[in-house]
Amino acid sequence: MPRYEYQCQKCGTFEVNQRISDPALTHHTCGAPAERLISQNAFSLKGSGWYSDGYSGSKTSGSVTKSTSSD
């Protein structure tokens, strides 16, 4: 279940675990309306194998070229 951050008009911010389909809340302590905030998440795609490194067009398709030497 996602964790949402809310901004209360009187008290400040607080966090709540709730479904995305649940309606916006009022602050449980003071009863004032609270607005759901959009926060930055910590999800990051790191390492090899992701689209930006794994599927670039600069790689060859497996054909091998032989170099010939003239003596």
PDB file of N, CA and C in Angstrom:
ATOM      1  N   MET A   1       0.848  -1.165   0.000  1.00  0.00           N
ATOM      2  CA  MET A   1       0.000   0.000   0.000  1.00  0.00           C
ATOM      3  C   MET A   1       0.905   1.243   0.000  1.00  0.00           C
ATOM      4  N   PRO A   2       0.607   2.226  -0.846  1.00  0.00           N
ATOM      5  CA  PRO A   2       1.458   3.415  -0.930  1.00  0.00           C
ATOM      6  C   PRO A   2       1.382   4.292   0.321  1.00  0.00           C
ATOM      7  N   ARG A   3       2.445   5.020   0.536  1.00  0.00           N
ATOM      8  CA  ARG A   3       2.519   5.969   1.649  1.00  0.00           C
ATOM      9  C   ARG A   3       2.414   7.374   1.068  1.00  0.00           C
ATOM     10  N   TYR A   4       1.435   8.144   1.507  1.00  0.00           N
ATOM     11  CA  TYR A   4       1.202   9.490   0.990  1.00  0.00           C
ATOM     12  C   TYR A   4       1.556  10.537   2.036  1.00  0.00           C
ATOM     13  N   GLU A   5       2.061  11.646   1.550  1.00  0.00           N
ATOM     14  CA  GLU A   5       2.371  12.779   2.411  1.00  0.00           C
ATOM     15  C   GLU A   5       1.274  13.830   2.219  1.00  0.00           C
ATOM     16  N   TYR A   6       0.772  14.355   3.320  1.00  0.00           N
ATOM     17  CA  TYR A   6      -0.285  15.368   3.298  1.00  0.00           C
ATOM     18  C   TYR A   6       0.212  16.658   3.937  1.00  0.00           C
ATOM     19  N   GLN A   7      -0.341  17.774   3.477  1.00  0.00           N
ATOM     20  CA  GLN A   7      -0.046  19.095   4.042  1.00  0.00           C
ATOM     21  C   GLN A   7      -1.318  19.611   4.702  1.00  0.00           C
ATOM     22  N   CYS A   8      -1.275  19.748   6.023  1.00  0.00           N
ATOM     23  CA  CYS A   8      -2.395  20.311   6.774  1.00  0.00           C
ATOM     24  C   CYS A   8      -2.254  21.833   6.767  1.00  0.00           C
ATOM     25  N   GLN A   9      -3.369  22.540   6.623  1.00  0.00           N
ATOM     26  CA  GLN A   9      -3.322  24.003   6.580  1.00  0.00           C
ATOM     27  C   GLN A   9      -2.955  24.614   7.933  1.00  0.00           C
ATOM     28  N   LYS A  10      -3.200  23.890   9.015  1.00  0.00           N
ATOM     29  CA  LYS A  10      -2.914  24.418  10.354  1.00  0.00           C
ATOM     30  C   LYS A  10      -1.657  23.824  10.982  1.00  0.00           C
ATOM     31  N   CYS A  11      -1.434  22.509  10.799  1.00  0.00           N
ATOM     32  CA  CYS A  11      -0.403  21.813  11.574  1.00  0.00           C
ATOM     33  C   CYS A  11       0.885  21.482  10.819  1.00  0.00           C
ATOM     34  N   GLY A  12       0.866  21.447   9.511  1.00  0.00           N
ATOM     35  CA  GLY A  12       2.065  21.061   8.765  1.00  0.00           C
ATOM     36  C   GLY A  12       1.852  19.762   8.008  1.00  0.00           C
ATOM     37  N   THR A  13       2.919  18.984   7.851  1.00  0.00           N
ATOM     38  CA  THR A  13       2.836  17.761   7.047  1.00  0.00           C
ATOM     39  C   THR A  13       2.716  16.522   7.925  1.00  0.00           C
ATOM     40  N   PHE A  14       2.100  15.483   7.361  1.00  0.00           N
ATOM     41  CA  PHE A  14       2.016  14.172   7.998  1.00  0.00           C
ATOM     42  C   PHE A  14       1.911  13.118   6.907  1.00  0.00           C
ATOM     43  N   GLU A  15       2.209  11.866   7.252  1.00  0.00           N
ATOM     44  CA  GLU A  15       2.194  10.764   6.288  1.00  0.00           C
ATOM     45  C   GLU A  15       1.157   9.723   6.687  1.00  0.00           C
ATOM     46  N   VAL A  16       0.548   9.102   5.659  1.00  0.00           N
ATOM     47  CA  VAL A  16      -0.497   8.102   5.874  1.00  0.00           C
ATOM     48  C   VAL A  16      -0.336   6.992   4.844  1.00  0.00           C
ATOM     49  N   ASN A  17      -0.520   5.740   5.266  1.00  0.00           N
ATOM     50  CA  ASN A  17      -0.590   4.613   4.334  1.00  0.00           C
ATOM     51  C   ASN A  17      -2.045   4.465   3.912  1.00  0.00           C
ATOM     52  N   GLN A  18      -2.306   4.559   2.601  1.00  0.00           N
ATOM     53  CA  GLN A  18      -3.670   4.402   2.112  1.00  0.00           C
ATOM     54  C   GLN A  18      -3.658   4.007   0.640  1.00  0.00           C
ATOM     55  N   ARG A  19      -4.798   3.496   0.179  1.00  0.00           N
ATOM     56  CA  ARG A  19      -4.939   3.119  -1.227  1.00  0.00           C
ATOM     57  C   ARG A  19      -5.009   4.362  -2.095  1.00  0.00           C
ATOM     58  N   ILE A  20      -4.623   4.204  -3.357  1.00  0.00           N
ATOM     59  CA  ILE A  20      -4.671   5.327  -4.289  1.00  0.00           C
ATOM     60  C   ILE A  20      -6.107   5.754  -4.564  1.00  0.00           C
ATOM     61  N   SER A  21      -7.050   4.831  -4.445  1.00  0.00           N
ATOM     62  CA  SER A  21      -8.460   5.134  -4.711  1.00  0.00           C
ATOM     63  C   SER A  21      -9.166   5.798  -3.525  1.00  0.00           C
ATOM     64  N   ASP A  22      -8.519   5.832  -2.351  1.00  0.00           N
ATOM     65  CA  ASP A  22      -9.132   6.464  -1.180  1.00  0.00           C
ATOM     66  C   ASP A  22      -9.196   7.984  -1.361  1.00  0.00           C
ATOM     67  N   PRO A  23     -10.247   8.618  -0.844  1.00  0.00           N
ATOM     68  CA  PRO A  23     -10.350  10.082  -0.967  1.00  0.00           C
ATOM     69  C   PRO A  23      -9.316  10.789  -0.091  1.00  0.00           C
ATOM     70  N   ALA A  24      -9.103  12.073  -0.376  1.00  0.00           N
ATOM     71  CA  ALA A  24      -8.181  12.883   0.426  1.00  0.00           C
ATOM     72  C   ALA A  24      -8.689  12.974   1.863  1.00  0.00           C
ATOM     73  N   LEU A  25      -7.767  13.177   2.791  1.00  0.00           N
ATOM     74  CA  LEU A  25      -8.099  13.150   4.214  1.00  0.00           C
ATOM     75  C   LEU A  25      -8.197  14.541   4.816  1.00  0.00           C
ATOM     76  N   THR A  26      -8.753  14.584   6.021  1.00  0.00           N
ATOM     77  CA  THR A  26      -8.609  15.747   6.888  1.00  0.00           C
ATOM     78  C   THR A  26      -7.632  15.337   7.975  1.00  0.00           C
ATOM     79  N   HIS A  27      -6.972  16.303   8.594  1.00  0.00           N
ATOM     80  CA  HIS A  27      -5.990  15.981   9.630  1.00  0.00           C
ATOM     81  C   HIS A  27      -6.710  15.395  10.840  1.00  0.00           C
ATOM     82  N   HIS A  28      -6.228  14.248  11.309  1.00  0.00           N
ATOM     83  CA  HIS A  28      -6.906  13.522  12.386  1.00  0.00           C
ATOM     84  C   HIS A  28      -6.851  14.255  13.730  1.00  0.00           C
ATOM     85  N   THR A  29      -5.907  15.156  13.930  1.00  0.00           N
ATOM     86  CA  THR A  29      -5.785  15.864  15.207  1.00  0.00           C
ATOM     87  C   THR A  29      -6.650  17.117  15.265  1.00  0.00           C
ATOM     88  N   CYS A  30      -6.539  17.974  14.230  1.00  0.00           N
ATOM     89  CA  CYS A  30      -7.244  19.263  14.277  1.00  0.00           C
ATOM     90  C   CYS A  30      -8.494  19.311  13.403  1.00  0.00           C
ATOM     91  N   GLY A  31      -8.660  18.364  12.473  1.00  0.00           N
ATOM     92  CA  GLY A  31      -9.836  18.332  11.619  1.00  0.00           C
ATOM     93  C   GLY A  31      -9.794  19.271  10.425  1.00  0.00           C
ATOM     94  N   ALA A  32      -8.680  19.948  10.225  1.00  0.00           N
ATOM     95  CA  ALA A  32      -8.542  20.875   9.093  1.00  0.00           C
ATOM     96  C   ALA A  32      -8.351  20.096   7.796  1.00  0.00           C
ATOM     97  N   PRO A  33      -8.751  20.664   6.658  1.00  0.00           N
ATOM     98  CA  PRO A  33      -8.539  19.994   5.371  1.00  0.00           C
ATOM     99  C   PRO A  33      -7.049  19.797   5.100  1.00  0.00           C
ATOM    100  N   ALA A  34      -6.718  18.681   4.487  1.00  0.00           N
ATOM    101  CA  ALA A  34      -5.327  18.377   4.152  1.00  0.00           C
ATOM    102  C   ALA A  34      -5.224  18.104   2.659  1.00  0.00           C
ATOM    103  N   GLU A  35      -4.130  18.514   2.073  1.00  0.00           N
ATOM    104  CA  GLU A  35      -3.901  18.343   0.635  1.00  0.00           C
ATOM    105  C   GLU A  35      -2.823  17.287   0.424  1.00  0.00           C
ATOM    106  N   ARG A  36      -3.082  16.347  -0.474  1.00  0.00           N
ATOM    107  CA  ARG A  36      -2.110  15.296  -0.782  1.00  0.00           C
ATOM    108  C   ARG A  36      -0.959  15.911  -1.576  1.00  0.00           C
ATOM    109  N   LEU A  37       0.265  15.671  -1.126  1.00  0.00           N
ATOM    110  CA  LEU A  37       1.452  16.203  -1.787  1.00  0.00           C
ATOM    111  C   LEU A  37       2.052  15.158  -2.710  1.00  0.00           C
ATOM    112  N   ILE A  38       2.762  15.616  -3.712  1.00  0.00           N
ATOM    113  CA  ILE A  38       3.495  14.720  -4.605  1.00  0.00           C
ATOM    114  C   ILE A  38       4.959  14.798  -4.202  1.00  0.00           C
ATOM    115  N   SER A  39       5.499  13.685  -3.759  1.00  0.00           N
ATOM    116  CA  SER A  39       6.876  13.644  -3.276  1.00  0.00           C
ATOM    117  C   SER A  39       7.765  12.905  -4.257  1.00  0.00           C
ATOM    118  N   GLN A  40       9.048  13.183  -4.177  1.00  0.00           N
ATOM    119  CA  GLN A  40      10.025  12.483  -5.005  1.00  0.00           C
ATOM    120  C   GLN A  40      10.261  11.099  -4.404  1.00  0.00           C
ATOM    121  N   ASN A  41      10.336  10.090  -5.261  1.00  0.00           N
ATOM    122  CA  ASN A  41      10.597   8.747  -4.754  1.00  0.00           C
ATOM    123  C   ASN A  41      12.081   8.423  -4.870  1.00  0.00           C
ATOM    124  N   ALA A  42      12.486   7.325  -4.267  1.00  0.00           N
ATOM    125  CA  ALA A  42      13.884   6.927  -4.256  1.00  0.00           C
ATOM    126  C   ALA A  42      14.176   5.829  -5.271  1.00  0.00           C
ATOM    127  N   PHE A  43      13.245   5.528  -6.160  1.00  0.00           N
ATOM    128  CA  PHE A  43      13.416   4.461  -7.144  1.00  0.00           C
ATOM    129  C   PHE A  43      14.376   4.909  -8.236  1.00  0.00           C
ATOM    130  N   SER A  44      15.390   4.107  -8.509  1.00  0.00           N
ATOM    131  CA  SER A  44      16.380   4.456  -9.523  1.00  0.00           C
ATOM    132  C   SER A  44      16.831   3.190 -10.237  1.00  0.00           C
ATOM    133  N   LEU A  45      16.906   3.250 -11.557  1.00  0.00           N
ATOM    134  CA  LEU A  45      17.385   2.116 -12.341  1.00  0.00           C
ATOM    135  C   LEU A  45      18.886   2.274 -12.529  1.00  0.00           C
ATOM    136  N   LYS A  46      19.655   1.463 -11.827  1.00  0.00           N
ATOM    137  CA  LYS A  46      21.108   1.533 -11.905  1.00  0.00           C
ATOM    138  C   LYS A  46      21.639   0.192 -12.376  1.00  0.00           C
ATOM    139  N   GLY A  47      22.840   0.208 -12.914  1.00  0.00           N
ATOM    140  CA  GLY A  47      23.469  -1.023 -13.360  1.00  0.00           C
ATOM    141  C   GLY A  47      23.291  -1.230 -14.842  1.00  0.00           C
ATOM    142  N   SER A  48      23.819  -2.322 -15.337  1.00  0.00           N
ATOM    143  CA  SER A  48      23.733  -2.592 -16.770  1.00  0.00           C
ATOM    144  C   SER A  48      22.455  -3.356 -17.084  1.00  0.00           C
ATOM    145  N   GLY A  49      22.090  -3.358 -18.361  1.00  0.00           N
ATOM    146  CA  GLY A  49      20.923  -4.115 -18.785  1.00  0.00           C
ATOM    147  C   GLY A  49      19.673  -3.297 -18.958  1.00  0.00           C
ATOM    148  N   TRP A  50      19.685  -2.024 -18.632  1.00  0.00           N
ATOM    149  CA  TRP A  50      18.515  -1.185 -18.821  1.00  0.00           C
ATOM    150  C   TRP A  50      18.541  -0.592 -20.212  1.00  0.00           C
ATOM    151  N   TYR A  51      17.487   0.025 -20.627  1.00  0.00           N
ATOM    152  CA  TYR A  51      17.317   0.512 -21.987  1.00  0.00           C
ATOM    153  C   TYR A  51      18.462   1.416 -22.436  1.00  0.00           C
ATOM    154  N   SER A  52      18.893   2.343 -21.606  1.00  0.00           N
ATOM    155  CA  SER A  52      19.918   3.290 -22.034  1.00  0.00           C
ATOM    156  C   SER A  52      21.260   2.623 -22.312  1.00  0.00           C
ATOM    157  N   ASP A  53      21.630   1.540 -21.585  1.00  0.00           N
ATOM    158  CA  ASP A  53      22.903   0.882 -21.881  1.00  0.00           C
ATOM    159  C   ASP A  53      22.734  -0.370 -22.729  1.00  0.00           C
ATOM    160  N   GLY A  54      21.673  -1.096 -22.549  1.00  0.00           N
ATOM    161  CA  GLY A  54      21.547  -2.402 -23.168  1.00  0.00           C
ATOM    162  C   GLY A  54      21.078  -2.418 -24.598  1.00  0.00           C
ATOM    163  N   TYR A  55      20.506  -1.343 -25.079  1.00  0.00           N
ATOM    164  CA  TYR A  55      19.919  -1.363 -26.406  1.00  0.00           C
ATOM    165  C   TYR A  55      20.403  -0.213 -27.283  1.00  0.00           C
ATOM    166  N   SER A  56      21.617   0.221 -27.079  1.00  0.00           N
ATOM    167  CA  SER A  56      22.111   1.324 -27.901  1.00  0.00           C
ATOM    168  C   SER A  56      22.419   0.833 -29.312  1.00  0.00           C
ATOM    169  N   GLY A  57      22.392   1.726 -30.273  1.00  0.00           N
ATOM    170  CA  GLY A  57      22.600   1.361 -31.666  1.00  0.00           C
ATOM    171  C   GLY A  57      24.060   1.280 -32.060  1.00  0.00           C
ATOM    172  N   SER A  58      24.989   1.543 -31.157  1.00  0.00           N
ATOM    173  CA  SER A  58      26.397   1.569 -31.519  1.00  0.00           C
ATOM    174  C   SER A  58      27.045   0.188 -31.559  1.00  0.00           C
ATOM    175  N   LYS A  59      26.397  -0.821 -31.062  1.00  0.00           N
ATOM    176  CA  LYS A  59      26.973  -2.165 -31.057  1.00  0.00           C
ATOM    177  C   LYS A  59      26.778  -2.826 -32.415  1.00  0.00           C
ATOM    178  N   THR A  60      27.706  -3.708 -32.771  1.00  0.00           N
ATOM    179  CA  THR A  60      27.581  -4.432 -34.034  1.00  0.00           C
ATOM    180  C   THR A  60      26.627  -5.597 -33.862  1.00  0.00           C
ATOM    181  N   SER A  61      26.158  -6.123 -34.969  1.00  0.00           N
ATOM    182  CA  SER A  61      25.167  -7.196 -34.910  1.00  0.00           C
ATOM    183  C   SER A  61      25.803  -8.580 -34.909  1.00  0.00           C
ATOM    184  N   GLY A  62      27.065  -8.673 -34.578  1.00  0.00           N
ATOM    185  CA  GLY A  62      27.699  -9.973 -34.484  1.00  0.00           C
ATOM    186  C   GLY A  62      28.573 -10.312 -35.674  1.00  0.00           C
ATOM    187  N   SER A  63      28.643  -9.456 -36.678  1.00  0.00           N
ATOM    188  CA  SER A  63      29.498  -9.753 -37.821  1.00  0.00           C
ATOM    189  C   SER A  63      30.944  -9.443 -37.456  1.00  0.00           C
ATOM    190  N   VAL A  64      31.829 -10.322 -37.874  1.00  0.00           N
ATOM    191  CA  VAL A  64      33.245 -10.180 -37.561  1.00  0.00           C
ATOM    192  C   VAL A  64      33.969  -9.768 -38.836  1.00  0.00           C
ATOM    193  N   THR A  65      34.802  -8.763 -38.716  1.00  0.00           N
ATOM    194  CA  THR A  65      35.598  -8.345 -39.869  1.00  0.00           C
ATOM    195  C   THR A  65      37.021  -8.832 -39.681  1.00  0.00           C
ATOM    196  N   LYS A  66      37.592  -9.346 -40.750  1.00  0.00           N
ATOM    197  CA  LYS A  66      38.964  -9.837 -40.691  1.00  0.00           C
ATOM    198  C   LYS A  66      39.875  -8.801 -41.324  1.00  0.00           C
ATOM    199  N   SER A  67      40.993  -8.601 -40.692  1.00  0.00           N
ATOM    200  CA  SER A  67      41.972  -7.701 -41.289  1.00  0.00           C
ATOM    201  C   SER A  67      43.011  -8.552 -42.016  1.00  0.00           C
ATOM    202  N   THR A  68      43.328  -8.169 -43.229  1.00  0.00           N
ATOM    203  CA  THR A  68      44.333  -8.898 -44.005  1.00  0.00           C
ATOM    204  C   THR A  68      45.603  -8.083 -44.027  1.00  0.00           C
ATOM    205  N   SER A  69      46.706  -8.763 -43.935  1.00  0.00           N
ATOM    206  CA  SER A  69      47.988  -8.066 -43.960  1.00  0.00           C
ATOM    207  C   SER A  69      48.707  -8.383 -45.260  1.00  0.00           C
ATOM    208  N   SER A  70      49.311  -7.389 -45.822  1.00  0.00           N
ATOM    209  CA  SER A  70      50.079  -7.572 -47.058  1.00  0.00           C
ATOM    210  C   SER A  70      51.549  -7.652 -46.702  1.00  0.00           C
ATOM    211  N   ASP A  71      52.194  -8.759 -47.032  1.00  0.00           N
ATOM    212  CA  ASP A  71      53.622  -8.926 -46.735  1.00  0.00           C
ATOM    213  C   ASP A  71      54.446  -8.696 -47.952  1.00  0.00           C
TER     214      ASP A  71
END
